């Protein structure tokens, strides 16, 4: 019997999915795909990782790690909407809109904190919250959606770590957030030395 690796490292990825592979990877040390082909891509860290390392991780092959980048989206409103009494807005397309996006229009600033709270793909409507009184969106107006923050996630030994950028120039992952996902900091008892496996867990969109 042959096994193939069909685990995605984009979109929700293993970080936030409910698959057997994702539970395994969040609860156990990193393993290579030679041990279990269902596991995601892996690489090796090229410098020691210490308990104080909260700025960057250097890796052997940066091309394996997806860059969170930015999420941008816009859509056209298909009917007049007054947010003081109508929370559902019909738009021309919902394909690039993500839950948690902030709405920006001529009358709604980013600081108003109006967010997408539900997406109705079947009829092209979105539900919003945080609206201000008498905020008018007119038919034909382009609505822009402020990017939701995305992060990448990796696993080093027993710890899941988030990063917000993958730099091709020097093979580093930067903007680290340590001890993510209920894991224990793997460096409390000492350095994780260069050469240890780092597993690629994919991207996650932060909606809060």
Protein backbone atom coordinates (compact mmCIF):
# COMPACT_ATOMS: atom_id res chain seq x y z
CA UNK A 1 0.00 0.00 0.00
CA UNK A 2 1.32 3.46 -0.89
CA UNK A 3 0.61 6.73 0.90
CA UNK A 4 0.73 10.19 -0.59
CA UNK A 5 1.01 13.56 1.11
CA UNK A 6 -2.02 15.69 0.28
CA UNK A 7 -1.92 18.01 3.30
CA UNK A 8 -2.29 21.66 2.40
CA UNK A 9 -0.02 24.36 3.81
CA UNK A 10 -2.16 27.30 2.71
CA UNK A 11 -5.51 28.60 3.85
CA UNK A 12 -6.58 27.22 7.22
CA UNK A 13 -3.69 24.78 7.21
CA UNK A 14 -2.89 22.35 10.00
CA UNK A 15 -2.74 25.11 12.60
CA UNK A 16 -6.47 25.64 12.85
CA UNK A 17 -7.97 22.54 11.23
CA UNK A 18 -9.74 19.64 12.92
CA UNK A 19 -8.02 16.76 11.12
CA UNK A 20 -6.25 13.83 12.74
CA UNK A 21 -2.97 15.10 11.31
CA UNK A 22 -3.40 18.56 12.82
CA UNK A 23 -4.24 17.19 16.29
CA UNK A 24 -1.23 14.89 16.08
CA UNK A 25 1.10 17.70 15.09
CA UNK A 26 -0.14 20.12 17.74
CA UNK A 27 0.27 17.54 20.49
CA UNK A 28 3.56 15.89 19.56
CA UNK A 29 7.12 16.84 18.62
CA UNK A 30 7.98 17.45 14.98
CA UNK A 31 8.60 14.44 12.76
CA UNK A 32 9.74 14.16 9.17
CA UNK A 33 7.41 12.98 6.43
CA UNK A 34 9.61 9.88 6.15
CA UNK A 35 8.16 8.81 9.51
CA UNK A 36 4.58 9.53 8.49
CA UNK A 37 3.81 10.71 4.91
CA UNK A 38 0.60 12.39 6.11
CA UNK A 39 2.60 15.02 7.95
CA UNK A 40 3.27 18.39 6.32
CA UNK A 41 6.47 19.74 4.86
CA UNK A 42 9.43 20.13 7.17
CA UNK A 43 12.76 21.91 7.29
CA UNK A 44 15.63 22.46 9.72
CA UNK A 45 16.44 25.49 11.85
CA UNK A 46 19.90 26.83 11.07
CA UNK A 47 20.66 28.66 14.33
CA UNK A 48 19.96 27.90 17.97
CA UNK A 49 16.49 28.79 19.26
CA UNK A 50 16.52 30.05 22.84
CA UNK A 51 13.81 30.84 25.35
CA UNK A 52 14.44 34.53 24.65
CA UNK A 53 14.25 34.20 20.85
CA UNK A 54 11.18 36.28 20.02
CA UNK A 55 12.34 38.12 16.91
CA UNK A 56 13.24 35.55 14.27
CA UNK A 57 13.86 31.93 13.34
CA UNK A 58 16.39 31.06 10.64
CA UNK A 59 15.54 28.12 8.38
CA UNK A 60 17.25 26.09 5.70
CA UNK A 61 14.72 26.50 2.87
CA UNK A 62 12.55 29.61 3.18
CA UNK A 63 10.54 28.62 0.10
CA UNK A 64 8.74 25.96 2.16
CA UNK A 65 7.19 28.58 4.46
CA UNK A 66 4.17 30.54 3.17
CA UNK A 67 4.32 34.29 3.71
CA UNK A 68 1.21 35.65 5.47
CA UNK A 69 1.28 38.80 3.35
CA UNK A 70 -1.84 40.93 3.16
CA UNK A 71 -5.45 40.09 2.43
CA UNK A 72 -7.29 42.68 0.34
CA UNK A 73 -10.83 42.61 -0.96
CA UNK A 74 -13.47 44.90 -2.38
CA UNK A 75 -16.97 44.49 -3.69
CA UNK A 76 -19.81 46.57 -5.10
CA UNK A 77 -23.00 47.13 -3.13
CA UNK A 78 -26.05 46.15 -5.19
CA UNK A 79 -28.75 47.97 -3.18
CA UNK A 80 -29.00 50.98 -0.88
CA UNK A 81 -28.24 50.06 2.72
CA UNK A 82 -28.80 52.17 5.82
CA UNK A 83 -26.81 50.61 8.62
CA UNK A 84 -28.90 52.16 11.37
CA UNK A 85 -31.70 49.71 10.57
CA UNK A 86 -30.26 47.19 8.10
CA UNK A 87 -27.35 44.94 9.03
CA UNK A 88 -27.40 42.78 5.90
CA UNK A 89 -25.66 44.29 2.86
CA UNK A 90 -26.03 42.79 -0.63
CA UNK A 91 -22.74 42.82 -2.54
CA UNK A 92 -21.65 41.76 -6.01
CA UNK A 93 -19.14 39.18 -4.78
CA UNK A 94 -18.24 37.56 -1.48
CA UNK A 95 -15.46 35.30 -2.80
CA UNK A 96 -12.57 37.35 -1.37
CA UNK A 97 -14.28 38.59 1.80
CA UNK A 98 -13.17 37.03 5.08
CA UNK A 99 -14.91 37.03 8.44
CA UNK A 100 -13.51 39.79 10.62
CA UNK A 101 -12.75 42.16 7.73
CA UNK A 102 -13.52 45.80 8.50
CA UNK A 103 -15.76 47.70 6.07
CA UNK A 104 -14.47 50.98 4.64
CA UNK A 105 -16.71 53.21 2.51
CA UNK A 106 -17.08 56.90 1.79
CA UNK A 107 -19.10 57.24 4.99
CA UNK A 108 -17.53 54.54 7.14
CA UNK A 109 -13.93 54.94 8.25
CA UNK A 110 -11.65 52.15 9.39
CA UNK A 111 -11.84 53.57 12.91
CA UNK A 112 -15.61 52.95 12.99
CA UNK A 113 -14.81 49.27 13.52
CA UNK A 114 -17.65 47.95 11.35
CA UNK A 115 -16.85 44.29 10.77
CA UNK A 116 -18.15 41.40 8.67
CA UNK A 117 -19.68 38.88 11.08
CA UNK A 118 -21.33 36.45 8.63
CA UNK A 119 -21.08 35.72 4.92
CA UNK A 120 -24.07 34.36 2.98
CA UNK A 121 -22.45 32.85 -0.11
CA UNK A 122 -25.73 31.58 -1.55
CA UNK A 123 -27.24 35.04 -2.14
CA UNK A 124 -24.20 37.34 -1.99
CA UNK A 125 -25.01 39.07 1.30
CA UNK A 126 -22.88 39.93 4.32
CA UNK A 127 -23.91 40.57 7.90
CA UNK A 128 -22.05 43.36 9.69
CA UNK A 129 -21.74 44.62 13.26
CA UNK A 130 -20.37 47.71 14.98
CA UNK A 131 -22.36 50.00 12.67
CA UNK A 132 -22.90 53.69 13.36
CA UNK A 133 -26.25 55.48 13.22
CA UNK A 134 -27.45 56.46 9.74
CA UNK A 135 -24.36 55.24 7.93
CA UNK A 136 -25.46 55.11 4.29
CA UNK A 137 -24.06 52.76 1.65
CA UNK A 138 -25.49 53.41 -1.80
CA UNK A 139 -26.08 50.98 -4.64
CA UNK A 140 -23.10 50.86 -6.99
CA UNK A 141 -20.65 52.04 -4.35
CA UNK A 142 -17.42 50.10 -3.96
CA UNK A 143 -16.91 48.78 -0.44
CA UNK A 144 -13.36 48.06 0.68
CA UNK A 145 -12.49 45.52 3.32
CA UNK A 146 -9.61 46.24 5.65
CA UNK A 147 -7.27 43.23 5.70
CA UNK A 148 -7.61 40.72 8.48
CA UNK A 149 -4.24 39.87 9.95
CA UNK A 150 -2.80 36.56 8.83
CA UNK A 151 0.01 34.68 10.52
CA UNK A 152 2.06 31.65 9.63
CA UNK A 153 2.59 28.84 12.11
CA UNK A 154 5.43 26.39 12.62
CA UNK A 155 6.28 23.71 15.15
CA UNK A 156 9.69 23.31 16.77
CA UNK A 157 9.82 20.32 19.11
CA UNK A 158 6.86 20.74 21.48
CA UNK A 159 6.03 24.33 20.64
CA UNK A 160 3.82 26.00 18.05
CA UNK A 161 5.16 29.43 17.05
CA UNK A 162 3.46 32.09 14.92
CA UNK A 163 5.30 34.39 12.51
CA UNK A 164 4.08 37.35 10.48
CA UNK A 165 6.63 37.45 7.64
CA UNK A 166 8.95 35.08 5.76
CA UNK A 167 12.04 36.84 4.40
CA UNK A 168 13.60 35.28 1.32
CA UNK A 169 16.67 37.54 1.56
CA UNK A 170 18.05 35.95 4.73
CA UNK A 171 15.85 32.85 5.21
CA UNK A 172 14.21 34.09 8.40
CA UNK A 173 10.73 34.01 9.90
CA UNK A 174 10.08 37.21 11.86
CA UNK A 175 7.49 38.75 14.20
CA UNK A 176 7.29 35.67 16.40
CA UNK A 177 4.59 34.88 18.94
CA UNK A 178 5.72 32.08 21.23
CA UNK A 179 3.73 29.40 23.11
CA UNK A 180 0.75 29.38 20.75
CA UNK A 181 -1.98 26.76 20.79
CA UNK A 182 -1.58 25.62 24.38
CA UNK A 183 1.86 24.11 23.78
CA UNK A 184 4.74 24.24 26.25
CA UNK A 185 7.75 26.39 25.40
CA UNK A 186 10.24 23.84 24.12
CA UNK A 187 13.25 25.94 25.14
CA UNK A 188 12.52 26.29 28.86
CA UNK A 189 15.04 23.56 29.66
CA UNK A 190 17.66 24.85 27.21
CA UNK A 191 18.35 25.80 23.62
CA UNK A 192 16.80 24.04 20.67
CA UNK A 193 19.98 23.69 18.67
CA UNK A 194 20.50 24.27 14.97
CA UNK A 195 19.61 21.20 12.94
CA UNK A 196 16.35 20.47 14.75
CA UNK A 197 13.26 19.86 12.63
CA UNK A 198 10.79 22.69 12.04
CA UNK A 199 7.36 21.68 10.72
CA UNK A 200 5.28 23.89 8.41
CA UNK A 201 1.73 24.29 9.77
CA UNK A 202 0.41 26.75 7.17
CA UNK A 203 -1.45 30.05 7.49
CA UNK A 204 -4.15 31.24 9.84
CA UNK A 205 -6.42 34.29 9.59
CA UNK A 206 -6.91 36.12 12.86
CA UNK A 207 -10.50 37.39 13.12
CA UNK A 208 -10.44 38.93 16.56
